[in-house]
Amino acid sequence: MGGLHGWAGSRPGRVNYWHGWGNNVRTRWTGYHHHNNWFHGDWWYRHPGGVCRWHYYHRFNDYPWGYWWQRPTWNVASSWFSWTAPATVWSEPIYYDYGSGGNVTYEDNRVYIDGEDVASADEFAQSAAVLATVQPPESEEAADEAEWLPLGTFALSTSKEDVEPTRIVQLAVDKSGIIAGTLYNSETDESAAIQGRVDKNTQRVAMRIGESDKVVAETGLYNLTQDEVPLLVHFEGERVENYILVRLDEPEDDQDGDDADADDAGSDDDDSLDRGIF
């Protein structure tokens, strides 16, 4: 993994590619005028699907709601964990960059990281699924006492043409490296819990969405401290797609709000978790 350290600094063109994608969303998306209503205290009561046993919701009232929209610096994020991690891995941030021209690429059903053949596509997808599988807390007390570092709130764009995203993601990480979060579909007014983990040996992050075992998204911890977060999304090991999380600004105040224009929305489609999320 040593060749991945310093990737972002030495490949400004690739960083600008993701930044340009993110800017297209920021400048053209009309969803910003709704975001003071998302993930507010009252919002959770109307969207319980976004909460799982390992979740920052248990500590939500300990902080102003805008706290969970904040972005950590890399120094804060990398020093947050209670584990002892390999110094060679964490000496510098690793920027995971997916697709042609990036450092994680696919060719002939093989996965290459920094030019090195590391696994078959199936093996790589399975390793992401294993990393994203989180065991439930031993007790309710353990869940209640977990400390969470906010990673921020993002719009999920599925292509460069998707400048009006309907899916919003909020994420946090605990001191053991467990990722918790919520994916909210503003079009259907449905939410799903996100759970996953950080790999202390690679800085890799993998996450599952809701109850589905069909969709696993991966990125890097350093990516999650940036304004644009490249994602590699695995669909049942059958295909992968490159998406991006675009960071949203922290709300200016702690005002209450109602998702009035979303309250009447809904979906009775049993496949909405797979087709409605991605």
Protein backbone atom coordinates (compact mmCIF):
# COMPACT_ATOMS: atom_id res chain seq x y z
CA MET A 1 0.00 0.00 0.00
CA GLY A 2 3.04 2.26 0.26
CA GLY A 3 2.60 3.56 -3.29
CA LEU A 4 -0.79 4.98 -2.39
CA HIS A 5 0.57 7.41 0.18
CA GLY A 6 0.72 10.89 -1.27
CA TRP A 7 -1.43 9.94 -4.28
CA ALA A 8 -3.70 12.97 -4.04
CA GLY A 9 -0.77 15.39 -3.90
CA SER A 10 0.94 13.88 -6.91
CA ARG A 11 -2.18 13.50 -9.08
CA PRO A 12 -3.88 16.93 -9.02
CA GLY A 13 -5.67 16.11 -12.26
CA ARG A 14 -7.50 13.21 -10.66
CA VAL A 15 -8.46 15.26 -7.61
CA ASN A 16 -9.71 18.00 -9.94
CA TYR A 17 -11.79 15.43 -11.81
CA TRP A 18 -13.75 14.59 -8.64
CA HIS A 19 -13.80 18.24 -7.61
CA GLY A 20 -15.35 19.23 -10.93
CA TRP A 21 -18.00 16.56 -10.52
CA GLY A 22 -18.76 17.83 -7.02
CA ASN A 23 -18.93 21.45 -8.16
CA ASN A 24 -21.51 20.55 -10.80
CA VAL A 25 -23.71 19.24 -8.01
CA ARG A 26 -23.08 22.20 -5.71
CA THR A 27 -23.84 24.82 -8.35
CA ARG A 28 -26.87 23.15 -9.96
CA TRP A 29 -28.57 21.19 -7.19
CA THR A 30 -31.71 22.74 -5.71
CA GLY A 31 -31.75 20.47 -2.68
CA TYR A 32 -29.76 22.89 -0.52
CA HIS A 33 -32.86 24.80 0.54
CA HIS A 34 -34.20 21.62 2.20
CA HIS A 35 -31.15 20.57 4.14
CA ASN A 36 -31.94 22.39 7.40
CA ASN A 37 -34.74 19.85 7.83
CA TRP A 38 -32.64 16.72 7.36
CA PHE A 39 -31.29 14.76 10.35
CA HIS A 40 -32.76 17.16 12.88
CA GLY A 41 -33.92 15.72 16.23
CA ASP A 42 -37.57 15.60 15.18
CA TRP A 43 -36.62 14.14 11.80
CA TRP A 44 -35.49 10.86 13.40
CA TYR A 45 -38.91 10.14 14.88
CA ARG A 46 -40.39 10.19 11.40
CA HIS A 47 -37.58 8.18 9.80
CA PRO A 48 -36.76 5.29 12.18
CA GLY A 49 -35.38 3.19 9.33
CA GLY A 50 -32.22 5.24 9.53
CA VAL A 51 -31.29 3.99 12.99
CA CYS A 52 -29.50 0.76 13.86
CA ARG A 53 -28.04 -0.56 17.13
CA TRP A 54 -24.57 0.85 16.45
CA HIS A 55 -25.51 4.41 15.63
CA TYR A 56 -24.56 7.95 16.61
CA TYR A 57 -28.29 8.57 17.17
CA HIS A 58 -27.77 7.27 20.71
CA ARG A 59 -25.51 10.27 21.39
CA PHE A 60 -27.45 12.71 19.23
CA ASN A 61 -28.82 14.79 22.09
CA ASP A 62 -25.35 15.27 23.59
CA TYR A 63 -24.48 17.75 20.84
CA PRO A 64 -26.18 20.42 18.73
CA TRP A 65 -27.57 18.77 15.60
CA GLY A 66 -25.16 20.74 13.40
CA TYR A 67 -22.29 18.91 15.12
CA TRP A 68 -23.00 15.83 13.01
CA TRP A 69 -22.60 17.83 9.81
CA GLN A 70 -19.00 18.81 10.60
CA ARG A 71 -15.97 17.52 8.73
CA PRO A 72 -12.93 16.31 10.65
CA THR A 73 -9.42 17.17 9.61
CA TRP A 74 -7.23 14.24 8.64
CA ASN A 75 -5.16 14.67 11.82
CA VAL A 76 -8.27 14.44 13.99
CA ALA A 77 -9.70 11.47 12.08
CA SER A 78 -6.47 9.49 12.00
CA SER A 79 -5.82 9.96 15.73
CA TRP A 80 -9.39 9.23 16.80
CA PHE A 81 -9.18 5.46 17.18
CA SER A 82 -8.48 3.45 20.33
CA TRP A 83 -6.58 0.77 18.44
CA THR A 84 -2.87 0.36 17.84
CA ALA A 85 -2.43 0.62 14.08
CA PRO A 86 0.62 0.02 11.85
CA ALA A 87 2.67 3.21 11.75
CA THR A 88 3.67 2.53 8.15
CA VAL A 89 0.02 2.62 7.12
CA TRP A 90 -1.05 5.68 9.08
CA SER A 91 2.05 7.84 8.57
CA GLU A 92 0.31 9.52 5.62
CA PRO A 93 -3.25 9.55 4.28
CA ILE A 94 -4.27 7.16 1.52
CA TYR A 95 -6.53 8.60 -1.17
CA TYR A 96 -8.57 5.87 -2.82
CA ASP A 97 -9.21 6.87 -6.43
CA TYR A 98 -11.45 4.58 -8.48
CA GLY A 99 -11.75 4.11 -12.21
CA SER A 100 -9.61 4.80 -15.25
CA GLY A 101 -6.65 6.94 -14.25
CA GLY A 102 -7.10 6.15 -10.57
CA ASN A 103 -5.21 3.85 -8.25
CA VAL A 104 -7.95 1.18 -7.96
CA THR A 105 -8.80 -0.20 -11.40
CA TYR A 106 -10.39 -3.25 -13.01
CA GLU A 107 -9.01 -5.13 -16.00
CA ASP A 108 -9.98 -8.59 -17.29
CA ASN A 109 -11.96 -9.29 -14.12
CA ARG A 110 -8.93 -8.51 -11.94
CA VAL A 111 -8.45 -5.65 -9.50
CA TYR A 112 -5.27 -3.58 -9.54
CA ILE A 113 -4.22 -1.24 -6.76
CA ASP A 114 -1.43 1.14 -7.69
CA GLY A 115 -0.71 -1.10 -10.67
CA GLU A 116 -0.41 -4.29 -8.61
CA ASP A 117 -2.73 -7.25 -9.24
CA VAL A 118 -4.34 -7.83 -5.83
CA ALA A 119 -7.42 -10.00 -6.37
CA SER A 120 -10.13 -11.17 -8.70
CA ALA A 121 -13.17 -8.91 -8.95
CA ASP A 122 -15.20 -11.44 -6.93
CA GLU A 123 -12.54 -11.71 -4.23
CA PHE A 124 -12.26 -7.96 -3.95
CA ALA A 125 -16.03 -7.56 -3.63
CA GLN A 126 -16.11 -10.28 -0.98
CA SER A 127 -13.35 -8.60 1.02
CA ALA A 128 -15.39 -5.39 1.01
CA ALA A 129 -18.47 -7.31 2.18
CA VAL A 130 -16.52 -8.88 5.05
CA LEU A 131 -15.13 -5.51 6.14
CA ALA A 132 -18.62 -4.00 6.01
CA THR A 133 -20.11 -6.73 8.23
CA VAL A 134 -20.46 -5.35 11.75
CA GLN A 135 -21.35 -7.44 14.77
CA PRO A 136 -24.12 -6.01 16.99
CA PRO A 137 -23.10 -4.41 20.29
CA GLU A 138 -22.83 -6.72 23.29
CA SER A 139 -25.39 -4.68 25.18
CA GLU A 140 -27.58 -1.60 24.92
CA GLU A 141 -25.19 0.07 27.34
CA ALA A 142 -22.29 -0.46 24.94
CA ALA A 143 -24.27 1.13 22.13
CA ASP A 144 -25.29 4.05 24.32
CA GLU A 145 -21.74 4.69 25.54
CA ALA A 146 -19.98 4.56 22.18
CA GLU A 147 -18.25 7.81 21.22
CA TRP A 148 -18.73 9.06 17.68
CA LEU A 149 -16.71 11.38 15.49
CA PRO A 150 -18.85 13.06 12.80
CA LEU A 151 -17.68 12.56 9.23
CA GLY A 152 -20.29 14.86 7.76
CA THR A 153 -23.35 14.99 5.55
CA PHE A 154 -23.22 14.41 1.80
CA ALA A 155 -25.31 14.32 -1.36
CA LEU A 156 -24.83 11.05 -3.24
CA SER A 157 -24.33 11.56 -6.98
CA THR A 158 -24.40 8.44 -9.14
CA SER A 159 -22.96 10.00 -12.30
CA LYS A 160 -21.63 13.30 -13.61
CA GLU A 161 -25.10 13.88 -15.06
CA ASP A 162 -26.75 13.34 -11.66
CA VAL A 163 -26.65 16.97 -10.52
CA GLU A 164 -29.99 16.76 -8.69
CA PRO A 165 -29.29 13.97 -6.16
CA THR A 166 -32.21 12.59 -4.16
CA ARG A 167 -30.06 10.57 -1.75
CA ILE A 168 -28.42 12.15 1.28
CA VAL A 169 -25.87 10.42 3.50
CA GLN A 170 -24.73 11.25 7.03
CA LEU A 171 -21.81 9.33 8.58
CA ALA A 172 -19.85 9.02 11.82
CA VAL A 173 -17.16 6.67 13.15
CA ASP A 174 -16.58 5.31 16.64
CA LYS A 175 -13.26 4.71 18.36
CA SER A 176 -13.14 1.05 17.34
CA GLY A 177 -13.50 1.95 13.67
CA ILE A 178 -17.20 1.15 13.26
CA ILE A 179 -18.93 3.35 10.71
CA ALA A 180 -22.55 4.32 11.36
CA GLY A 181 -24.79 6.43 9.23
CA THR A 182 -28.04 7.03 7.45
CA LEU A 183 -29.01 7.17 3.80
CA TYR A 184 -32.12 9.25 3.17
CA ASN A 185 -34.01 9.25 -0.12
CA SER A 186 -35.74 12.62 -0.25
CA GLU A 187 -37.85 11.54 -3.23
CA THR A 188 -39.48 8.61 -1.41
CA ASP A 189 -39.02 9.99 2.15
CA GLU A 190 -37.42 6.67 3.13
CA SER A 191 -34.27 6.13 5.15
CA ALA A 192 -31.91 3.21 5.64
CA ALA A 193 -29.17 2.61 8.17
CA ILE A 194 -25.54 2.42 7.08
CA GLN A 195 -23.02 0.27 8.93
CA GLY A 196 -19.43 -0.62 8.19
CA ARG A 197 -15.85 -0.45 9.39
CA VAL A 198 -12.45 1.10 8.84
CA ASP A 199 -9.61 -1.35 8.15
CA LYS A 200 -6.73 -0.32 10.38
CA ASN A 201 -4.23 -2.02 8.05
CA THR A 202 -5.24 -0.20 4.85
CA GLN A 203 -7.42 2.84 5.82
CA ARG A 204 -10.08 1.22 3.61
CA VAL A 205 -13.73 1.84 4.58
CA ALA A 206 -16.58 -0.47 3.55
CA MET A 207 -20.27 0.02 4.34
CA ARG A 208 -23.54 -1.91 3.98
CA ILE A 209 -26.83 -0.15 3.30
CA GLY A 210 -29.88 -1.15 5.36
CA GLU A 211 -30.78 -4.83 5.65
CA SER A 212 -29.63 -5.63 2.15
CA ASP A 213 -26.61 -7.82 1.53
CA LYS A 214 -26.60 -6.87 -2.13
CA VAL A 215 -24.96 -3.44 -1.99
CA VAL A 216 -21.59 -2.60 -0.42
CA ALA A 217 -19.88 0.77 -0.89
CA GLU A 218 -16.22 1.41 -0.21
CA THR A 219 -13.87 4.39 0.01
CA GLY A 220 -11.01 5.49 2.26
CA LEU A 221 -11.00 7.30 5.58
CA TYR A 222 -8.98 10.18 4.15
CA ASN A 223 -11.52 10.50 1.33
CA LEU A 224 -14.19 11.02 4.00
CA THR A 225 -12.34 14.09 5.29
CA GLN A 226 -12.55 15.76 1.87
CA ASP A 227 -15.32 17.71 0.11
CA GLU A 228 -15.65 15.08 -2.63
CA VAL A 229 -15.55 11.41 -1.70
CA PRO A 230 -15.06 8.89 -4.53
CA LEU A 231 -17.01 5.67 -3.90
CA LEU A 232 -16.70 2.21 -5.41
CA VAL A 233 -20.08 0.46 -5.14
CA HIS A 234 -20.35 -3.33 -5.41
CA PHE A 235 -23.68 -4.82 -6.52
CA GLU A 236 -23.82 -8.46 -5.39
CA GLY A 237 -20.34 -8.94 -6.80
CA GLU A 238 -21.86 -8.76 -10.29
CA ARG A 239 -20.80 -5.22 -11.19
CA VAL A 240 -19.21 -2.12 -9.73
CA GLU A 241 -20.01 1.53 -10.28
CA ASN A 242 -18.16 4.75 -9.44
CA TYR A 243 -20.20 7.27 -7.44
CA ILE A 244 -19.31 10.32 -5.39
CA LEU A 245 -20.36 11.83 -2.08
CA VAL A 246 -20.51 15.64 -2.24
CA ARG A 247 -20.14 17.30 1.14
CA LEU A 248 -22.94 19.60 2.25
CA ASP A 249 -22.36 22.76 4.28
CA GLU A 250 -23.10 22.69 7.97
CA PRO A 251 -26.48 24.36 8.69
CA GLU A 252 -26.21 27.93 9.89
CA ASP A 253 -28.57 27.58 12.82
CA ASP A 254 -30.46 25.07 14.94
CA GLN A 255 -33.90 25.85 13.59
CA ASP A 256 -36.69 23.30 13.60
CA GLY A 257 -38.19 22.21 10.33
CA ASP A 258 -40.67 19.83 8.80
CA ASP A 259 -40.16 17.86 5.63
CA ALA A 260 -43.60 19.02 4.56
CA ASP A 261 -43.12 18.48 0.89
CA ALA A 262 -41.82 14.96 1.49
CA ASP A 263 -44.36 13.75 4.04
CA ASP A 264 -46.78 12.55 1.39
CA ALA A 265 -44.14 10.69 -0.54
CA GLY A 266 -43.61 6.96 -0.20
CA SER A 267 -42.95 3.69 -1.94
CA ASP A 268 -44.65 0.32 -1.73
CA ASP A 269 -42.07 -1.33 -3.97
CA ASP A 270 -40.48 -4.29 -2.17
CA ASP A 271 -37.32 -3.77 -4.19
CA SER A 272 -36.99 -0.12 -3.18
CA LEU A 273 -33.97 -0.79 -0.98
CA ASP A 274 -31.94 -1.90 -3.96
CA ARG A 275 -33.47 0.23 -6.70
CA GLY A 276 -34.42 3.20 -4.54
CA ILE A 277 -31.05 3.65 -2.85
CA PHE A 278 -28.76 3.16 -5.83
